[in-house]
PDB file of N, CA and C in Angstrom:
ATOM      1  N   MET A   1     166.168 -73.452 -50.004  1.00  0.00           N
ATOM      2  CA  MET A   1     165.236 -73.375 -51.117  1.00  0.00           C
ATOM      3  C   MET A   1     165.455 -74.482 -52.114  1.00  0.00           C
ATOM      4  N   LYS A   2     166.757 -74.662 -52.459  1.00  0.00           N
ATOM      5  CA  LYS A   2     167.095 -75.695 -53.431  1.00  0.00           C
ATOM      6  C   LYS A   2     166.801 -77.095 -52.874  1.00  0.00           C
ATOM      7  N   LEU A   3     167.058 -77.297 -51.570  1.00  0.00           N
ATOM      8  CA  LEU A   3     166.736 -78.557 -50.945  1.00  0.00           C
ATOM      9  C   LEU A   3     165.255 -78.880 -50.923  1.00  0.00           C
ATOM     10  N   MET A   4     164.436 -77.845 -50.704  1.00  0.00           N
ATOM     11  CA  MET A   4     162.962 -78.000 -50.675  1.00  0.00           C
ATOM     12  C   MET A   4     162.488 -78.366 -52.098  1.00  0.00           C
ATOM     13  N   ALA A   5     163.044 -77.689 -53.112  1.00  0.00           N
ATOM     14  CA  ALA A   5     162.653 -78.043 -54.482  1.00  0.00           C
ATOM     15  C   ALA A   5     163.074 -79.455 -54.826  1.00  0.00           C
ATOM     16  N   SER A   6     164.222 -79.888 -54.326  1.00  0.00           N
ATOM     17  CA  SER A   6     164.688 -81.240 -54.636  1.00  0.00           C
ATOM     18  C   SER A   6     163.719 -82.284 -53.973  1.00  0.00           C
ATOM     19  N   ILE A   7     163.347 -81.992 -52.804  1.00  0.00           N
ATOM     20  CA  ILE A   7     162.354 -82.897 -52.124  1.00  0.00           C
ATOM     21  C   ILE A   7     161.031 -82.990 -52.804  1.00  0.00           C
ATOM     22  N   GLN A   8     160.570 -81.781 -53.279  1.00  0.00           N
ATOM     23  CA  GLN A   8     159.250 -81.704 -53.958  1.00  0.00           C
ATOM     24  C   GLN A   8     159.322 -82.428 -55.275  1.00  0.00           C
ATOM     25  N   ILE A   9     160.398 -82.246 -56.057  1.00  0.00           N
ATOM     26  CA  ILE A   9     160.481 -82.931 -57.349  1.00  0.00           C
ATOM     27  C   ILE A   9     160.599 -84.448 -57.156  1.00  0.00           C
ATOM     28  N   LYS A  10     161.325 -84.859 -56.126  1.00  0.00           N
ATOM     29  CA  LYS A  10     161.411 -86.292 -55.883  1.00  0.00           C
ATOM     30  C   LYS A  10     160.031 -86.902 -55.533  1.00  0.00           C
ATOM     31  N   ALA A  11     159.250 -86.137 -54.754  1.00  0.00           N
ATOM     32  CA  ALA A  11     157.879 -86.582 -54.420  1.00  0.00           C
ATOM     33  C   ALA A  11     157.026 -86.654 -55.630  1.00  0.00           C
ATOM     34  N   LEU A  12     157.099 -85.702 -56.504  1.00  0.00           N
ATOM     35  CA  LEU A  12     156.280 -85.680 -57.699  1.00  0.00           C
ATOM     36  C   LEU A  12     156.717 -86.813 -58.699  1.00  0.00           C
ATOM     37  N   VAL A  13     158.050 -87.076 -58.817  1.00  0.00           N
ATOM     38  CA  VAL A  13     158.513 -88.157 -59.652  1.00  0.00           C
ATOM     39  C   VAL A  13     158.103 -89.496 -59.070  1.00  0.00           C
ATOM     40  N   LYS A  14     158.102 -89.622 -57.749  1.00  0.00           N
ATOM     41  CA  LYS A  14     157.743 -90.900 -57.138  1.00  0.00           C
ATOM     42  C   LYS A  14     156.183 -91.164 -57.370  1.00  0.00           C
ATOM     43  N   GLU A  15     155.434 -90.072 -57.221  1.00  0.00           N
ATOM     44  CA  GLU A  15     153.978 -90.280 -57.507  1.00  0.00           C
ATOM     45  C   GLU A  15     153.738 -90.629 -58.951  1.00  0.00           C
ATOM     46  N   ARG A  16     154.473 -89.935 -59.862  1.00  0.00           N
ATOM     47  CA  ARG A  16     154.303 -90.218 -61.282  1.00  0.00           C
ATOM     48  C   ARG A  16     154.720 -91.660 -61.649  1.00  0.00           C
ATOM     49  N   ASP A  17     155.802 -92.122 -61.018  1.00  0.00           N
ATOM     50  CA  ASP A  17     156.195 -93.482 -61.281  1.00  0.00           C
ATOM     51  C   ASP A  17     155.192 -94.517 -60.793  1.00  0.00           C
ATOM     52  N   ALA A  18     154.613 -94.208 -59.615  1.00  0.00           N
ATOM     53  CA  ALA A  18     153.595 -95.099 -59.049  1.00  0.00           C
ATOM     54  C   ALA A  18     152.391 -95.164 -59.990  1.00  0.00           C
ATOM     55  N   LEU A  19     151.984 -94.023 -60.520  1.00  0.00           N
ATOM     56  CA  LEU A  19     150.835 -94.005 -61.413  1.00  0.00           C
ATOM     57  C   LEU A  19     151.159 -94.715 -62.728  1.00  0.00           C
ATOM     58  N   ALA A  20     152.303 -94.495 -63.232  1.00  0.00           N
ATOM     59  CA  ALA A  20     152.719 -95.248 -64.448  1.00  0.00           C
ATOM     60  C   ALA A  20     152.729 -96.768 -64.264  1.00  0.00           C
ATOM     61  N   GLU A  21     153.138 -97.192 -63.064  1.00  0.00           N
ATOM     62  CA  GLU A  21     153.138 -98.597 -62.696  1.00  0.00           C
ATOM     63  C   GLU A  21     151.756 -99.135 -62.615  1.00  0.00           C
ATOM     64  N   LYS A  22     150.810 -98.322 -62.124  1.00  0.00           N
ATOM     65  CA  LYS A  22     149.423 -98.752 -61.982  1.00  0.00           C
ATOM     66  C   LYS A  22     148.844 -98.959 -63.393  1.00  0.00           C
ATOM     67  N   LEU A  23     149.189 -98.093 -64.353  1.00  0.00           N
ATOM     68  CA  LEU A  23     148.719 -98.201 -65.691  1.00  0.00           C
ATOM     69  C   LEU A  23     149.053 -99.538 -66.333  1.00  0.00           C
ATOM     70  N   CYS A  24     150.180-100.085 -65.945  1.00  0.00           N
ATOM     71  CA  CYS A  24     150.598-101.389 -66.566  1.00  0.00           C
ATOM     72  C   CYS A  24     149.665-102.561 -66.167  1.00  0.00           C
ATOM     73  N   GLY A  25     148.923-102.327 -65.114  1.00  0.00           N
ATOM     74  CA  GLY A  25     148.047-103.433 -64.580  1.00  0.00           C
ATOM     75  C   GLY A  25     146.695-103.501 -65.371  1.00  0.00           C
ATOM     76  N   PHE A  26     146.400-102.508 -66.179  1.00  0.00           N
ATOM     77  CA  PHE A  26     145.142-102.534 -66.888  1.00  0.00           C
ATOM     78  C   PHE A  26     145.240-103.277 -68.173  1.00  0.00           C
ATOM     79  N   LYS A  27     144.694-104.455 -68.223  1.00  0.00           N
ATOM     80  CA  LYS A  27     144.785-105.336 -69.341  1.00  0.00           C
ATOM     81  C   LYS A  27     143.431-105.469 -70.101  1.00  0.00           C
ATOM     82  N   HIS A  28     142.382-105.031 -69.477  1.00  0.00           N
ATOM     83  CA  HIS A  28     141.031-105.292 -70.111  1.00  0.00           C
ATOM     84  C   HIS A  28     140.378-103.981 -70.567  1.00  0.00           C
ATOM     85  N   ILE A  29     141.183-102.972 -70.884  1.00  0.00           N
ATOM     86  CA  ILE A  29     140.610-101.660 -71.226  1.00  0.00           C
ATOM     87  C   ILE A  29     139.723-101.771 -72.425  1.00  0.00           C
ATOM     88  N   LEU A  30     138.479-101.180 -72.327  1.00  0.00           N
ATOM     89  CA  LEU A  30     137.460-101.113 -73.339  1.00  0.00           C
ATOM     90  C   LEU A  30     136.985 -99.659 -73.369  1.00  0.00           C
ATOM     91  N   ARG A  31     136.938 -99.090 -74.557  1.00  0.00           N
ATOM     92  CA  ARG A  31     136.380 -97.740 -74.734  1.00  0.00           C
ATOM     93  C   ARG A  31     134.970 -97.896 -75.393  1.00  0.00           C
ATOM     94  N   GLY A  32     134.023 -97.447 -74.651  1.00  0.00           N
ATOM     95  CA  GLY A  32     132.651 -97.607 -75.155  1.00  0.00           C
ATOM     96  C   GLY A  32     131.652 -97.241 -74.128  1.00  0.00           C
ATOM     97  N   THR A  33     130.382 -97.497 -74.486  1.00  0.00           N
ATOM     98  CA  THR A  33     129.281 -97.187 -73.590  1.00  0.00           C
ATOM     99  C   THR A  33     128.283 -98.395 -73.598  1.00  0.00           C
ATOM    100  N   ILE A  34     127.817 -98.707 -72.385  1.00  0.00           N
ATOM    101  CA  ILE A  34     126.828 -99.796 -72.306  1.00  0.00           C
ATOM    102  C   ILE A  34     125.467 -99.168 -72.393  1.00  0.00           C
ATOM    103  N   LEU A  35     124.690 -99.654 -73.421  1.00  0.00           N
ATOM    104  CA  LEU A  35     123.362 -99.133 -73.698  1.00  0.00           C
ATOM    105  C   LEU A  35     122.316-100.251 -73.487  1.00  0.00           C
ATOM    106  N   LYS A  36     121.114 -99.825 -73.120  1.00  0.00           N
ATOM    107  CA  LYS A  36     119.965-100.742 -73.053  1.00  0.00           C
ATOM    108  C   LYS A  36     119.025-100.397 -74.127  1.00  0.00           C
ATOM    109  N   ARG A  37     118.654-101.400 -74.948  1.00  0.00           N
ATOM    110  CA  ARG A  37     117.788-101.131 -76.067  1.00  0.00           C
ATOM    111  C   ARG A  37     116.686-102.278 -76.132  1.00  0.00           C
ATOM    112  N   GLY A  38     115.514-101.900 -76.612  1.00  0.00           N
ATOM    113  CA  GLY A  38     114.520-102.847 -76.870  1.00  0.00           C
ATOM    114  C   GLY A  38     114.545-103.225 -78.422  1.00  0.00           C
ATOM    115  N   ASN A  39     114.062-104.421 -78.719  1.00  0.00           N
ATOM    116  CA  ASN A  39     114.147-104.895 -80.081  1.00  0.00           C
ATOM    117  C   ASN A  39     112.810-105.208 -80.659  1.00  0.00           C
ATOM    118  N   ILE A  40     112.708-105.167 -82.003  1.00  0.00           N
ATOM    119  CA  ILE A  40     111.506-105.578 -82.757  1.00  0.00           C
ATOM    120  C   ILE A  40     111.873-106.900 -83.401  1.00  0.00           C
ATOM    121  N   CYS A  41     111.032-107.869 -83.226  1.00  0.00           N
ATOM    122  CA  CYS A  41     111.262-109.206 -83.858  1.00  0.00           C
ATOM    123  C   CYS A  41     110.684-109.294 -85.233  1.00  0.00           C
ATOM    124  N   GLY A  42     110.819-110.450 -85.849  1.00  0.00           N
ATOM    125  CA  GLY A  42     110.344-110.668 -87.157  1.00  0.00           C
ATOM    126  C   GLY A  42     108.991-111.298 -87.335  1.00  0.00           C
ATOM    127  N   LYS A  43     108.323-111.519 -86.198  1.00  0.00           N
ATOM    128  CA  LYS A  43     106.979-112.104 -86.301  1.00  0.00           C
ATOM    129  C   LYS A  43     105.927-111.065 -86.693  1.00  0.00           C
ATOM    130  N   ALA A  44     105.055-111.448 -87.575  1.00  0.00           N
ATOM    131  CA  ALA A  44     104.104-110.447 -88.126  1.00  0.00           C
ATOM    132  C   ALA A  44     103.057-110.020 -87.092  1.00  0.00           C
ATOM    133  N   GLY A  45     102.548-110.892 -86.312  1.00  0.00           N
ATOM    134  CA  GLY A  45     101.499-110.439 -85.331  1.00  0.00           C
ATOM    135  C   GLY A  45     101.956-110.152 -83.954  1.00  0.00           C
ATOM    136  N   CYS A  46     103.236-109.968 -83.777  1.00  0.00           N
ATOM    137  CA  CYS A  46     103.812-109.743 -82.444  1.00  0.00           C
ATOM    138  C   CYS A  46     103.421-108.338 -81.919  1.00  0.00           C
ATOM    139  N   ARG A  47     103.306-108.253 -80.602  1.00  0.00           N
ATOM    140  CA  ARG A  47     103.019-107.003 -79.877  1.00  0.00           C
ATOM    141  C   ARG A  47     103.999-105.909 -80.120  1.00  0.00           C
ATOM    142  N   CYS A  48     105.280-106.313 -80.535  1.00  0.00           N
ATOM    143  CA  CYS A  48     106.307-105.268 -80.769  1.00  0.00           C
ATOM    144  C   CYS A  48     106.089-104.535 -82.059  1.00  0.00           C
ATOM    145  N   LYS A  49     105.141-105.066 -82.952  1.00  0.00           N
ATOM    146  CA  LYS A  49     104.867-104.426 -84.249  1.00  0.00           C
ATOM    147  C   LYS A  49     103.549-103.593 -84.253  1.00  0.00           C
ATOM    148  N   ARG A  50     102.897-103.527 -83.153  1.00  0.00           N
ATOM    149  CA  ARG A  50     101.668-102.753 -83.074  1.00  0.00           C
ATOM    150  C   ARG A  50     101.907-101.316 -83.490  1.00  0.00           C
ATOM    151  N   LYS A  51     100.942-100.728 -84.134  1.00  0.00           N
ATOM    152  CA  LYS A  51     101.022 -99.221 -84.423  1.00  0.00           C
ATOM    153  C   LYS A  51     100.870 -98.397 -83.245  1.00  0.00           C
ATOM    154  N   ASP A  52      99.926 -98.735 -82.390  1.00  0.00           N
ATOM    155  CA  ASP A  52      99.664 -97.932 -81.209  1.00  0.00           C
ATOM    156  C   ASP A  52     100.289 -98.662 -80.003  1.00  0.00           C
ATOM    157  N   ASN A  53     101.196 -97.996 -79.313  1.00  0.00           N
ATOM    158  CA  ASN A  53     101.808 -98.437 -78.137  1.00  0.00           C
ATOM    159  C   ASN A  53     102.495 -99.891 -78.265  1.00  0.00           C
ATOM    160  N   PRO A  54     103.486 -99.977 -79.128  1.00  0.00           N
ATOM    161  CA  PRO A  54     104.182-101.234 -79.276  1.00  0.00           C
ATOM    162  C   PRO A  54     105.016-101.558 -78.034  1.00  0.00           C
ATOM    163  N   ILE A  55     105.077-102.807 -77.700  1.00  0.00           N
ATOM    164  CA  ILE A  55     105.868-103.259 -76.540  1.00  0.00           C
ATOM    165  C   ILE A  55     107.087-103.970 -77.104  1.00  0.00           C
ATOM    166  N   LEU A  56     108.236-103.449 -76.974  1.00  0.00           N
ATOM    167  CA  LEU A  56     109.471-103.960 -77.546  1.00  0.00           C
ATOM    168  C   LEU A  56     110.032-105.160 -76.667  1.00  0.00           C
ATOM    169  N   HIS A  57     110.709-105.978 -77.282  1.00  0.00           N
ATOM    170  CA  HIS A  57     111.395-107.119 -76.530  1.00  0.00           C
ATOM    171  C   HIS A  57     112.616-106.578 -75.862  1.00  0.00           C
ATOM    172  N   GLY A  58     112.852-107.045 -74.661  1.00  0.00           N
ATOM    173  CA  GLY A  58     114.055-106.590 -73.905  1.00  0.00           C
ATOM    174  C   GLY A  58     113.662-105.921 -72.653  1.00  0.00           C
ATOM    175  N   PRO A  59     114.443-104.917 -72.169  1.00  0.00           N
ATOM    176  CA  PRO A  59     115.614-104.349 -72.855  1.00  0.00           C
ATOM    177  C   PRO A  59     116.844-105.271 -72.767  1.00  0.00           C
ATOM    178  N   TYR A  60     117.633-105.136 -73.803  1.00  0.00           N
ATOM    179  CA  TYR A  60     118.919-105.909 -73.868  1.00  0.00           C
ATOM    180  C   TYR A  60     120.043-104.978 -73.773  1.00  0.00           C
ATOM    181  N   GLN A  61     121.145-105.425 -73.252  1.00  0.00           N
ATOM    182  CA  GLN A  61     122.322-104.562 -73.118  1.00  0.00           C
ATOM    183  C   GLN A  61     123.328-104.777 -74.211  1.00  0.00           C
ATOM    184  N   TYR A  62     123.914-103.647 -74.717  1.00  0.00           N
ATOM    185  CA  TYR A  62     124.852-103.689 -75.794  1.00  0.00           C
ATOM    186  C   TYR A  62     126.069-102.829 -75.403  1.00  0.00           C
ATOM    187  N   LEU A  63     127.210-103.096 -75.945  1.00  0.00           N
ATOM    188  CA  LEU A  63     128.391-102.336 -75.816  1.00  0.00           C
ATOM    189  C   LEU A  63     128.499-101.556 -77.141  1.00  0.00           C
ATOM    190  N   SER A  64     128.469-100.216 -77.040  1.00  0.00           N
ATOM    191  CA  SER A  64     128.574 -99.331 -78.236  1.00  0.00           C
ATOM    192  C   SER A  64     130.008 -98.803 -78.286  1.00  0.00           C
ATOM    193  N   HIS A  65     130.639 -99.027 -79.451  1.00  0.00           N
ATOM    194  CA  HIS A  65     132.029 -98.598 -79.595  1.00  0.00           C
ATOM    195  C   HIS A  65     132.132 -97.778 -80.876  1.00  0.00           C
ATOM    196  N   ARG A  66     132.673 -96.580 -80.747  1.00  0.00           N
ATOM    197  CA  ARG A  66     132.869 -95.728 -81.904  1.00  0.00           C
ATOM    198  C   ARG A  66     134.389 -95.766 -82.342  1.00  0.00           C
ATOM    199  N   SER A  67     134.658 -96.197 -83.588  1.00  0.00           N
ATOM    200  CA  SER A  67     135.981 -96.155 -84.050  1.00  0.00           C
ATOM    201  C   SER A  67     136.064 -95.035 -85.016  1.00  0.00           C
ATOM    202  N   THR A  68     137.173 -94.885 -85.666  1.00  0.00           N
ATOM    203  CA  THR A  68     137.424 -93.789 -86.660  1.00  0.00           C
ATOM    204  C   THR A  68     136.579 -94.010 -87.910  1.00  0.00           C
ATOM    205  N   LYS A  69     136.161 -95.189 -88.138  1.00  0.00           N
ATOM    206  CA  LYS A  69     135.399 -95.506 -89.381  1.00  0.00           C
ATOM    207  C   LYS A  69     133.873 -95.735 -89.152  1.00  0.00           C
ATOM    208  N   SER A  70     133.519 -96.238 -87.988  1.00  0.00           N
ATOM    209  CA  SER A  70     132.118 -96.619 -87.789  1.00  0.00           C
ATOM    210  C   SER A  70     131.771 -96.747 -86.340  1.00  0.00           C
ATOM    211  N   ILE A  71     130.485 -96.924 -86.093  1.00  0.00           N
ATOM    212  CA  ILE A  71     130.017 -97.230 -84.744  1.00  0.00           C
ATOM    213  C   ILE A  71     129.573 -98.730 -84.730  1.00  0.00           C
ATOM    214  N   ASN A  72     130.101 -99.522 -83.809  1.00  0.00           N
ATOM    215  CA  ASN A  72     129.763-100.912 -83.641  1.00  0.00           C
ATOM    216  C   ASN A  72     129.134-101.219 -82.377  1.00  0.00           C
ATOM    217  N   MET A  73     128.228-102.221 -82.365  1.00  0.00           N
ATOM    218  CA  MET A  73     127.561-102.580 -81.116  1.00  0.00           C
ATOM    219  C   MET A  73     127.750-104.066 -80.960  1.00  0.00           C
ATOM    220  N   ILE A  74     127.877-104.530 -79.713  1.00  0.00           N
ATOM    221  CA  ILE A  74     128.080-105.898 -79.385  1.00  0.00           C
ATOM    222  C   ILE A  74     126.942-106.235 -78.333  1.00  0.00           C
ATOM    223  N   PHE A  75     126.223-107.306 -78.621  1.00  0.00           N
ATOM    224  CA  PHE A  75     125.221-107.742 -77.663  1.00  0.00           C
ATOM    225  C   PHE A  75     125.931-108.330 -76.491  1.00  0.00           C
ATOM    226  N   LEU A  76     125.502-107.877 -75.278  1.00  0.00           N
ATOM    227  CA  LEU A  76     126.199-108.328 -73.987  1.00  0.00           C
ATOM    228  C   LEU A  76     125.280-109.343 -73.348  1.00  0.00           C
ATOM    229  N   ASN A  77     125.664-110.631 -73.396  1.00  0.00           N
ATOM    230  CA  ASN A  77     124.901-111.583 -72.623  1.00  0.00           C
ATOM    231  C   ASN A  77     125.457-111.562 -71.154  1.00  0.00           C
ATOM    232  N   LYS A  78     124.930-112.441 -70.300  1.00  0.00           N
ATOM    233  CA  LYS A  78     125.362-112.446 -68.863  1.00  0.00           C
ATOM    234  C   LYS A  78     126.845-112.705 -68.749  1.00  0.00           C
ATOM    235  N   LYS A  79     127.408-113.438 -69.640  1.00  0.00           N
ATOM    236  CA  LYS A  79     128.866-113.742 -69.536  1.00  0.00           C
ATOM    237  C   LYS A  79     129.757-112.598 -69.960  1.00  0.00           C
ATOM    238  N   LYS A  80     129.316-111.868 -71.000  1.00  0.00           N
ATOM    239  CA  LYS A  80     130.055-110.744 -71.528  1.00  0.00           C
ATOM    240  C   LYS A  80     129.934-109.448 -70.732  1.00  0.00           C
ATOM    241  N   LEU A  81     128.793-109.265 -70.098  1.00  0.00           N
ATOM    242  CA  LEU A  81     128.517-107.993 -69.403  1.00  0.00           C
ATOM    243  C   LEU A  81     129.517-107.640 -68.366  1.00  0.00           C
ATOM    244  N   PRO A  82     129.927-108.624 -67.392  1.00  0.00           N
ATOM    245  CA  PRO A  82     130.928-108.193 -66.408  1.00  0.00           C
ATOM    246  C   PRO A  82     132.297-107.825 -67.021  1.00  0.00           C
ATOM    247  N   TYR A  83     132.637-108.493 -68.058  1.00  0.00           N
ATOM    248  CA  TYR A  83     133.912-108.167 -68.757  1.00  0.00           C
ATOM    249  C   TYR A  83     133.835-106.751 -69.373  1.00  0.00           C
ATOM    250  N   ALA A  84     132.712-106.372 -69.948  1.00  0.00           N
ATOM    251  CA  ALA A  84     132.529-105.070 -70.548  1.00  0.00           C
ATOM    252  C   ALA A  84     132.525-103.975 -69.408  1.00  0.00           C
ATOM    253  N   VAL A  85     131.841-104.265 -68.305  1.00  0.00           N
ATOM    254  CA  VAL A  85     131.836-103.265 -67.233  1.00  0.00           C
ATOM    255  C   VAL A  85     133.275-103.050 -66.705  1.00  0.00           C
ATOM    256  N   ARG A  86     133.991-104.153 -66.512  1.00  0.00           N
ATOM    257  CA  ARG A  86     135.359-104.083 -65.961  1.00  0.00           C
ATOM    258  C   ARG A  86     136.247-103.248 -66.960  1.00  0.00           C
ATOM    259  N   GLY A  87     136.150-103.561 -68.277  1.00  0.00           N
ATOM    260  CA  GLY A  87     136.926-102.902 -69.304  1.00  0.00           C
ATOM    261  C   GLY A  87     136.670-101.403 -69.303  1.00  0.00           C
ATOM    262  N   ILE A  88     135.401-100.994 -69.264  1.00  0.00           N
ATOM    263  CA  ILE A  88     135.089 -99.585 -69.261  1.00  0.00           C
ATOM    264  C   ILE A  88     135.550 -98.912 -67.988  1.00  0.00           C
ATOM    265  N   LYS A  89     135.458 -99.564 -66.864  1.00  0.00           N
ATOM    266  CA  LYS A  89     136.029 -99.040 -65.623  1.00  0.00           C
ATOM    267  C   LYS A  89     137.491 -98.822 -65.707  1.00  0.00           C
ATOM    268  N   GLU A  90     138.218 -99.798 -66.271  1.00  0.00           N
ATOM    269  CA  GLU A  90     139.654 -99.637 -66.389  1.00  0.00           C
ATOM    270  C   GLU A  90     139.989 -98.514 -67.377  1.00  0.00           C
ATOM    271  N   TYR A  91     139.190 -98.317 -68.428  1.00  0.00           N
ATOM    272  CA  TYR A  91     139.412 -97.250 -69.372  1.00  0.00           C
ATOM    273  C   TYR A  91     139.249 -95.931 -68.658  1.00  0.00           C
ATOM    274  N   ASN A  92     138.221 -95.770 -67.875  1.00  0.00           N
ATOM    275  CA  ASN A  92     137.997 -94.505 -67.140  1.00  0.00           C
ATOM    276  C   ASN A  92     139.096 -94.210 -66.178  1.00  0.00           C
ATOM    277  N   GLU A  93     139.532 -95.221 -65.419  1.00  0.00           N
ATOM    278  CA  GLU A  93     140.599 -95.082 -64.446  1.00  0.00           C
ATOM    279  C   GLU A  93     141.895 -94.742 -65.134  1.00  0.00           C
ATOM    280  N   SER A  94     142.205 -95.371 -66.256  1.00  0.00           N
ATOM    281  CA  SER A  94     143.459 -95.059 -66.968  1.00  0.00           C
ATOM    282  C   SER A  94     143.455 -93.662 -67.518  1.00  0.00           C
ATOM    283  N   ILE A  95     142.326 -93.144 -67.987  1.00  0.00           N
ATOM    284  CA  ILE A  95     142.244 -91.789 -68.501  1.00  0.00           C
ATOM    285  C   ILE A  95     142.527 -90.819 -67.236  1.00  0.00           C
ATOM    286  N   SER A  96     141.954 -91.069 -66.116  1.00  0.00           N
ATOM    287  CA  SER A  96     142.182 -90.235 -64.950  1.00  0.00           C
ATOM    288  C   SER A  96     143.668 -90.290 -64.567  1.00  0.00           C
ATOM    289  N   ILE A  97     144.320 -91.394 -64.636  1.00  0.00           N
ATOM    290  CA  ILE A  97     145.709 -91.526 -64.311  1.00  0.00           C
ATOM    291  C   ILE A  97     146.557 -90.824 -65.328  1.00  0.00           C
ATOM    292  N   ILE A  98     146.229 -90.914 -66.573  1.00  0.00           N
ATOM    293  CA  ILE A  98     146.993 -90.184 -67.626  1.00  0.00           C
ATOM    294  C   ILE A  98     146.969 -88.667 -67.387  1.00  0.00           C
ATOM    295  N   TYR A  99     145.726 -88.152 -67.062  1.00  0.00           N
ATOM    296  CA  TYR A  99     145.569 -86.743 -66.771  1.00  0.00           C
ATOM    297  C   TYR A  99     146.331 -86.328 -65.596  1.00  0.00           C
ATOM    298  N   ARG A 100     146.412 -87.143 -64.561  1.00  0.00           N
ATOM    299  CA  ARG A 100     147.228 -86.843 -63.341  1.00  0.00           C
ATOM    300  C   ARG A 100     148.720 -86.801 -63.677  1.00  0.00           C
ATOM    301  N   ILE A 101     149.188 -87.811 -64.447  1.00  0.00           N
ATOM    302  CA  ILE A 101     150.563 -87.812 -64.890  1.00  0.00           C
ATOM    303  C   ILE A 101     150.918 -86.558 -65.667  1.00  0.00           C
ATOM    304  N   ALA A 102     150.036 -86.179 -66.550  1.00  0.00           N
ATOM    305  CA  ALA A 102     150.253 -84.979 -67.341  1.00  0.00           C
ATOM    306  C   ALA A 102     150.332 -83.709 -66.465  1.00  0.00           C
ATOM    307  N   GLU A 103     149.523 -83.663 -65.405  1.00  0.00           N
ATOM    308  CA  GLU A 103     149.570 -82.513 -64.472  1.00  0.00           C
ATOM    309  C   GLU A 103     150.902 -82.457 -63.713  1.00  0.00           C
ATOM    310  N   ILE A 104     151.335 -83.673 -63.300  1.00  0.00           N
ATOM    311  CA  ILE A 104     152.616 -83.742 -62.610  1.00  0.00           C
ATOM    312  C   ILE A 104     153.785 -83.324 -63.482  1.00  0.00           C
ATOM    313  N   ASN A 105     153.755 -83.783 -64.774  1.00  0.00           N
ATOM    314  CA  ASN A 105     154.780 -83.413 -65.700  1.00  0.00           C
ATOM    315  C   ASN A 105     154.804 -81.940 -65.969  1.00  0.00           C
ATOM    316  N   PHE A 106     153.600 -81.326 -66.066  1.00  0.00           N
ATOM    317  CA  PHE A 106     153.440 -79.888 -66.229  1.00  0.00           C
ATOM    318  C   PHE A 106     154.061 -79.124 -65.081  1.00  0.00           C
ATOM    319  N   LYS A 107     153.727 -79.578 -63.882  1.00  0.00           N
ATOM    320  CA  LYS A 107     154.205 -78.988 -62.642  1.00  0.00           C
ATOM    321  C   LYS A 107     155.713 -79.039 -62.585  1.00  0.00           C
ATOM    322  N   ILE A 108     156.307 -80.244 -62.894  1.00  0.00           N
ATOM    323  CA  ILE A 108     157.768 -80.405 -62.904  1.00  0.00           C
ATOM    324  C   ILE A 108     158.420 -79.460 -63.934  1.00  0.00           C
ATOM    325  N   LEU A 109     157.789 -79.394 -65.103  1.00  0.00           N
ATOM    326  CA  LEU A 109     158.423 -78.508 -66.165  1.00  0.00           C
ATOM    327  C   LEU A 109     158.304 -77.098 -65.774  1.00  0.00           C
ATOM    328  N   ARG A 110     157.200 -76.727 -65.192  1.00  0.00           N
ATOM    329  CA  ARG A 110     157.011 -75.284 -64.825  1.00  0.00           C
ATOM    330  C   ARG A 110     157.845 -74.785 -63.693  1.00  0.00           C
ATOM    331  N   TYR A 111     157.853 -75.554 -62.628  1.00  0.00           N
ATOM    332  CA  TYR A 111     158.503 -75.087 -61.341  1.00  0.00           C
ATOM    333  C   TYR A 111     159.854 -75.678 -61.065  1.00  0.00           C
ATOM    334  N   TYR A 112     160.118 -76.798 -61.566  1.00  0.00           N
ATOM    335  CA  TYR A 112     161.339 -77.554 -61.149  1.00  0.00           C
ATOM    336  C   TYR A 112     162.203 -77.945 -62.351  1.00  0.00           C
ATOM    337  N   TYR A 113     162.153 -77.147 -63.366  1.00  0.00           N
ATOM    338  CA  TYR A 113     162.855 -77.472 -64.603  1.00  0.00           C
ATOM    339  C   TYR A 113     164.376 -77.641 -64.419  1.00  0.00           C
ATOM    340  N   ALA A 114     164.899 -76.863 -63.380  1.00  0.00           N
ATOM    341  CA  ALA A 114     166.346 -76.899 -63.152  1.00  0.00           C
ATOM    342  C   ALA A 114     166.758 -78.331 -62.640  1.00  0.00           C
ATOM    343  N   GLY A 115     165.803 -78.996 -61.986  1.00  0.00           N
ATOM    344  CA  GLY A 115     166.135 -80.307 -61.470  1.00  0.00           C
ATOM    345  C   GLY A 115     165.874 -81.483 -62.437  1.00  0.00           C
ATOM    346  N   LEU A 116     165.511 -81.168 -63.624  1.00  0.00           N
ATOM    347  CA  LEU A 116     165.181 -82.290 -64.582  1.00  0.00           C
ATOM    348  C   LEU A 116     166.302 -83.142 -64.919  1.00  0.00           C
ATOM    349  N   ALA A 117     167.445 -82.568 -64.900  1.00  0.00           N
ATOM    350  CA  ALA A 117     168.628 -83.363 -65.244  1.00  0.00           C
ATOM    351  C   ALA A 117     168.976 -84.439 -64.137  1.00  0.00           C
ATOM    352  N   ASP A 118     168.488 -84.183 -62.938  1.00  0.00           N
ATOM    353  CA  ASP A 118     168.703 -85.069 -61.846  1.00  0.00           C
ATOM    354  C   ASP A 118     167.764 -86.359 -61.964  1.00  0.00           C
ATOM    355  N   GLU A 119     166.716 -86.276 -62.737  1.00  0.00           N
ATOM    356  CA  GLU A 119     165.774 -87.315 -62.830  1.00  0.00           C
ATOM    357  C   GLU A 119     166.361 -88.613 -63.324  1.00  0.00           C
TER     358      GLU A 119
END
């Protein structure tokens, strides 16, 4: 029984260490959402200013980021868009990895607490 627990805790610790190592590779993490929005220009007679059925310019893509103080938006041109997509993907992956590490730590603490000193 003790040998089985030792094997299981080693497997959990190995998985946790691999996940923690993977987290170190995320260098472009961005928290936010990519939105598509149409714009209204400044020209007086433009179709985007019609009262009935206005046709907005765009749609253009923006990165929306909420901080503790405000919500900020960045216009994403063709050069910025792939970077933003990659950053958001890395953010989502890192959150999933953190949740998995927390589950592993919970399992170790709950079932294998006697083997914690061996870690």
